[in-house]
Amino acid sequence: MLFVLASCEPGRIADKNQFLACMLDVETEIFVPKCGSSGCHSATSPQNGLDLVTTGVAMRIATGTSSVCQTKPIISYLAEKLTMTPSCGQPMPLGDPLNSLELKCVSDYLASLRDGGT
């Protein structure tokens, strides 16, 4: 069997994070500091009703719907909001966007929720 890699520069990978397993706890190491600390999605003032910091966040993401964007399921809407061009609203988090490893971790986390994890 022959495998061909096109446009591959030996010894260099543009984004090595795409091949790494996420070792971050998404809820405590990404959602709390990046989404909840500024008050956006905290327990005391959850923007658009989405609390991303208190116990049960996985269930809220897996079963909730957006209150402001055509009642899209939060699980897919959240992934979209982390891109630079969401279909409605502005990209999140405000200010400092997630780096490639954080984005991969959130993507893996959301995939696990789609597969029935909580």
C-alpha atoms as a PDB file:
ATOM      1  CA  MET A   1       0.000   0.000   0.000  1.00  0.00           C
ATOM      2  CA  LEU A   2       1.390   3.417  -0.947  1.00  0.00           C
ATOM      3  CA  PHE A   3       0.679   6.593   1.011  1.00  0.00           C
ATOM      4  CA  VAL A   4       1.426  10.003  -0.457  1.00  0.00           C
ATOM      5  CA  LEU A   5       1.703  13.152   1.621  1.00  0.00           C
ATOM      6  CA  ALA A   6       1.347  16.286  -0.449  1.00  0.00           C
ATOM      7  CA  SER A   7       2.828  19.610   0.615  1.00  0.00           C
ATOM      8  CA  CYS A   8       4.539  18.132   3.623  1.00  0.00           C
ATOM      9  CA  GLU A   9       7.751  19.700   4.812  1.00  0.00           C
ATOM     10  CA  PRO A  10       9.845  17.073   6.614  1.00  0.00           C
ATOM     11  CA  GLY A  11      10.329  17.760  10.306  1.00  0.00           C
ATOM     12  CA  ARG A  12       7.766  20.535  10.519  1.00  0.00           C
ATOM     13  CA  ILE A  13       4.145  20.422  11.513  1.00  0.00           C
ATOM     14  CA  ALA A  14       2.186  23.641  11.164  1.00  0.00           C
ATOM     15  CA  ASP A  15       0.028  22.977  14.212  1.00  0.00           C
ATOM     16  CA  LYS A  16       1.262  20.121  16.362  1.00  0.00           C
ATOM     17  CA  ASN A  17      -1.627  20.661  18.822  1.00  0.00           C
ATOM     18  CA  GLN A  18      -4.023  18.984  16.397  1.00  0.00           C
ATOM     19  CA  PHE A  19      -2.264  15.672  17.076  1.00  0.00           C
ATOM     20  CA  LEU A  20      -2.097  15.953  20.864  1.00  0.00           C
ATOM     21  CA  ALA A  21      -4.653  14.533  23.230  1.00  0.00           C
ATOM     22  CA  CYS A  22      -6.170  17.226  25.387  1.00  0.00           C
ATOM     23  CA  MET A  23      -4.892  17.061  28.940  1.00  0.00           C
ATOM     24  CA  LEU A  24      -6.912  20.098  30.081  1.00  0.00           C
ATOM     25  CA  ASP A  25     -10.113  19.933  32.076  1.00  0.00           C
ATOM     26  CA  VAL A  26     -12.306  21.998  29.754  1.00  0.00           C
ATOM     27  CA  GLU A  27     -14.828  22.965  32.402  1.00  0.00           C
ATOM     28  CA  THR A  28     -12.320  24.197  35.008  1.00  0.00           C
ATOM     29  CA  GLU A  29      -9.323  25.216  32.902  1.00  0.00           C
ATOM     30  CA  ILE A  30     -11.065  26.822  29.921  1.00  0.00           C
ATOM     31  CA  PHE A  31     -14.707  27.648  30.714  1.00  0.00           C
ATOM     32  CA  VAL A  32     -14.150  29.070  34.202  1.00  0.00           C
ATOM     33  CA  PRO A  33     -11.234  31.428  33.431  1.00  0.00           C
ATOM     34  CA  LYS A  34     -12.102  32.294  29.818  1.00  0.00           C
ATOM     35  CA  CYS A  35     -15.913  32.309  29.884  1.00  0.00           C
ATOM     36  CA  GLY A  36     -16.998  32.754  33.482  1.00  0.00           C
ATOM     37  CA  SER A  37     -14.425  35.005  35.107  1.00  0.00           C
ATOM     38  CA  SER A  38     -15.470  38.124  33.220  1.00  0.00           C
ATOM     39  CA  GLY A  39     -19.039  37.620  34.356  1.00  0.00           C
ATOM     40  CA  CYS A  40     -20.253  36.590  30.937  1.00  0.00           C
ATOM     41  CA  HIS A  41     -21.326  33.038  31.684  1.00  0.00           C
ATOM     42  CA  SER A  42     -20.980  32.929  35.454  1.00  0.00           C
ATOM     43  CA  ALA A  43     -23.544  31.603  37.899  1.00  0.00           C
ATOM     44  CA  THR A  44     -24.503  35.083  39.088  1.00  0.00           C
ATOM     45  CA  SER A  45     -24.971  36.657  35.661  1.00  0.00           C
ATOM     46  CA  PRO A  46     -25.208  34.010  32.947  1.00  0.00           C
ATOM     47  CA  GLN A  47     -25.420  35.827  29.619  1.00  0.00           C
ATOM     48  CA  ASN A  48     -28.292  34.468  27.550  1.00  0.00           C
ATOM     49  CA  GLY A  49     -29.015  32.040  30.377  1.00  0.00           C
ATOM     50  CA  LEU A  50     -25.830  30.001  29.841  1.00  0.00           C
ATOM     51  CA  ASP A  51     -23.876  29.266  33.029  1.00  0.00           C
ATOM     52  CA  LEU A  52     -20.539  27.658  32.127  1.00  0.00           C
ATOM     53  CA  VAL A  53     -19.019  27.529  35.610  1.00  0.00           C
ATOM     54  CA  THR A  54     -21.231  25.682  38.090  1.00  0.00           C
ATOM     55  CA  THR A  55     -21.817  21.951  38.451  1.00  0.00           C
ATOM     56  CA  GLY A  56     -23.905  20.484  35.635  1.00  0.00           C
ATOM     57  CA  VAL A  57     -22.360  22.462  32.767  1.00  0.00           C
ATOM     58  CA  ALA A  58     -22.061  19.347  30.557  1.00  0.00           C
ATOM     59  CA  MET A  59     -25.785  18.634  30.889  1.00  0.00           C
ATOM     60  CA  ARG A  60     -26.673  22.280  30.173  1.00  0.00           C
ATOM     61  CA  ILE A  61     -24.555  22.229  27.023  1.00  0.00           C
ATOM     62  CA  ALA A  62     -25.773  18.807  25.874  1.00  0.00           C
ATOM     63  CA  THR A  63     -29.486  19.519  26.338  1.00  0.00           C
ATOM     64  CA  GLY A  64     -29.900  23.295  26.143  1.00  0.00           C
ATOM     65  CA  THR A  65     -30.884  25.571  23.303  1.00  0.00           C
ATOM     66  CA  SER A  66     -29.771  29.096  22.510  1.00  0.00           C
ATOM     67  CA  SER A  67     -32.101  31.780  23.770  1.00  0.00           C
ATOM     68  CA  VAL A  68     -30.897  34.312  21.206  1.00  0.00           C
ATOM     69  CA  CYS A  69     -29.945  32.464  18.030  1.00  0.00           C
ATOM     70  CA  GLN A  70     -32.905  30.657  16.477  1.00  0.00           C
ATOM     71  CA  THR A  71     -33.040  28.181  19.395  1.00  0.00           C
ATOM     72  CA  LYS A  72     -30.015  26.309  18.039  1.00  0.00           C
ATOM     73  CA  PRO A  73     -28.778  23.492  20.281  1.00  0.00           C
ATOM     74  CA  ILE A  74     -26.090  24.894  22.574  1.00  0.00           C
ATOM     75  CA  ILE A  75     -23.790  21.983  21.808  1.00  0.00           C
ATOM     76  CA  SER A  76     -23.446  23.087  18.167  1.00  0.00           C
ATOM     77  CA  TYR A  77     -23.922  26.806  18.754  1.00  0.00           C
ATOM     78  CA  LEU A  78     -21.073  26.859  21.297  1.00  0.00           C
ATOM     79  CA  ALA A  79     -18.653  25.381  18.751  1.00  0.00           C
ATOM     80  CA  GLU A  80     -19.765  27.979  16.216  1.00  0.00           C
ATOM     81  CA  LYS A  81     -19.323  30.866  18.682  1.00  0.00           C
ATOM     82  CA  LEU A  82     -15.651  29.942  19.101  1.00  0.00           C
ATOM     83  CA  THR A  83     -14.980  30.625  15.411  1.00  0.00           C
ATOM     84  CA  MET A  84     -14.262  34.088  14.079  1.00  0.00           C
ATOM     85  CA  THR A  85     -17.509  34.123  12.053  1.00  0.00           C
ATOM     86  CA  PRO A  86     -20.499  32.760  14.007  1.00  0.00           C
ATOM     87  CA  SER A  87     -23.835  32.927  12.176  1.00  0.00           C
ATOM     88  CA  CYS A  88     -25.258  35.203  14.846  1.00  0.00           C
ATOM     89  CA  GLY A  89     -23.742  37.242  17.628  1.00  0.00           C
ATOM     90  CA  GLN A  90     -20.069  37.880  18.091  1.00  0.00           C
ATOM     91  CA  PRO A  91     -17.151  35.468  18.463  1.00  0.00           C
ATOM     92  CA  MET A  92     -16.411  34.212  21.963  1.00  0.00           C
ATOM     93  CA  PRO A  93     -14.690  34.513  24.276  1.00  0.00           C
ATOM     94  CA  LEU A  94     -14.554  38.295  24.213  1.00  0.00           C
ATOM     95  CA  GLY A  95     -11.074  39.745  24.075  1.00  0.00           C
ATOM     96  CA  ASP A  96      -8.564  36.894  24.117  1.00  0.00           C
ATOM     97  CA  PRO A  97      -9.608  34.075  21.736  1.00  0.00           C
ATOM     98  CA  LEU A  98      -8.832  30.465  22.565  1.00  0.00           C
ATOM     99  CA  ASN A  99      -5.542  29.126  21.260  1.00  0.00           C
ATOM    100  CA  SER A 100      -5.404  26.077  18.994  1.00  0.00           C
ATOM    101  CA  LEU A 101      -4.940  23.614  21.874  1.00  0.00           C
ATOM    102  CA  GLU A 102      -7.874  25.100  23.808  1.00  0.00           C
ATOM    103  CA  LEU A 103     -10.044  24.962  20.684  1.00  0.00           C
ATOM    104  CA  LYS A 104      -9.125  21.308  20.159  1.00  0.00           C
ATOM    105  CA  CYS A 105      -9.922  20.542  23.791  1.00  0.00           C
ATOM    106  CA  VAL A 106     -13.339  22.190  23.551  1.00  0.00           C
ATOM    107  CA  SER A 107     -14.010  20.410  20.260  1.00  0.00           C
ATOM    108  CA  ASP A 108     -13.082  17.046  21.815  1.00  0.00           C
ATOM    109  CA  TYR A 109     -15.227  17.862  24.872  1.00  0.00           C
ATOM    110  CA  LEU A 110     -18.249  18.708  22.704  1.00  0.00           C
ATOM    111  CA  ALA A 111     -17.721  15.534  20.651  1.00  0.00           C
ATOM    112  CA  SER A 112     -17.748  13.482  23.854  1.00  0.00           C
ATOM    113  CA  LEU A 113     -21.035  15.132  24.880  1.00  0.00           C
ATOM    114  CA  ARG A 114     -22.527  14.326  21.460  1.00  0.00           C
ATOM    115  CA  ASP A 115     -21.493  10.704  22.039  1.00  0.00           C
ATOM    116  CA  GLY A 116     -23.442  10.623  25.307  1.00  0.00           C
ATOM    117  CA  GLY A 117     -20.791  11.727  27.806  1.00  0.00           C
ATOM    118  CA  THR A 118     -21.552  14.209  30.582  1.00  0.00           C
END
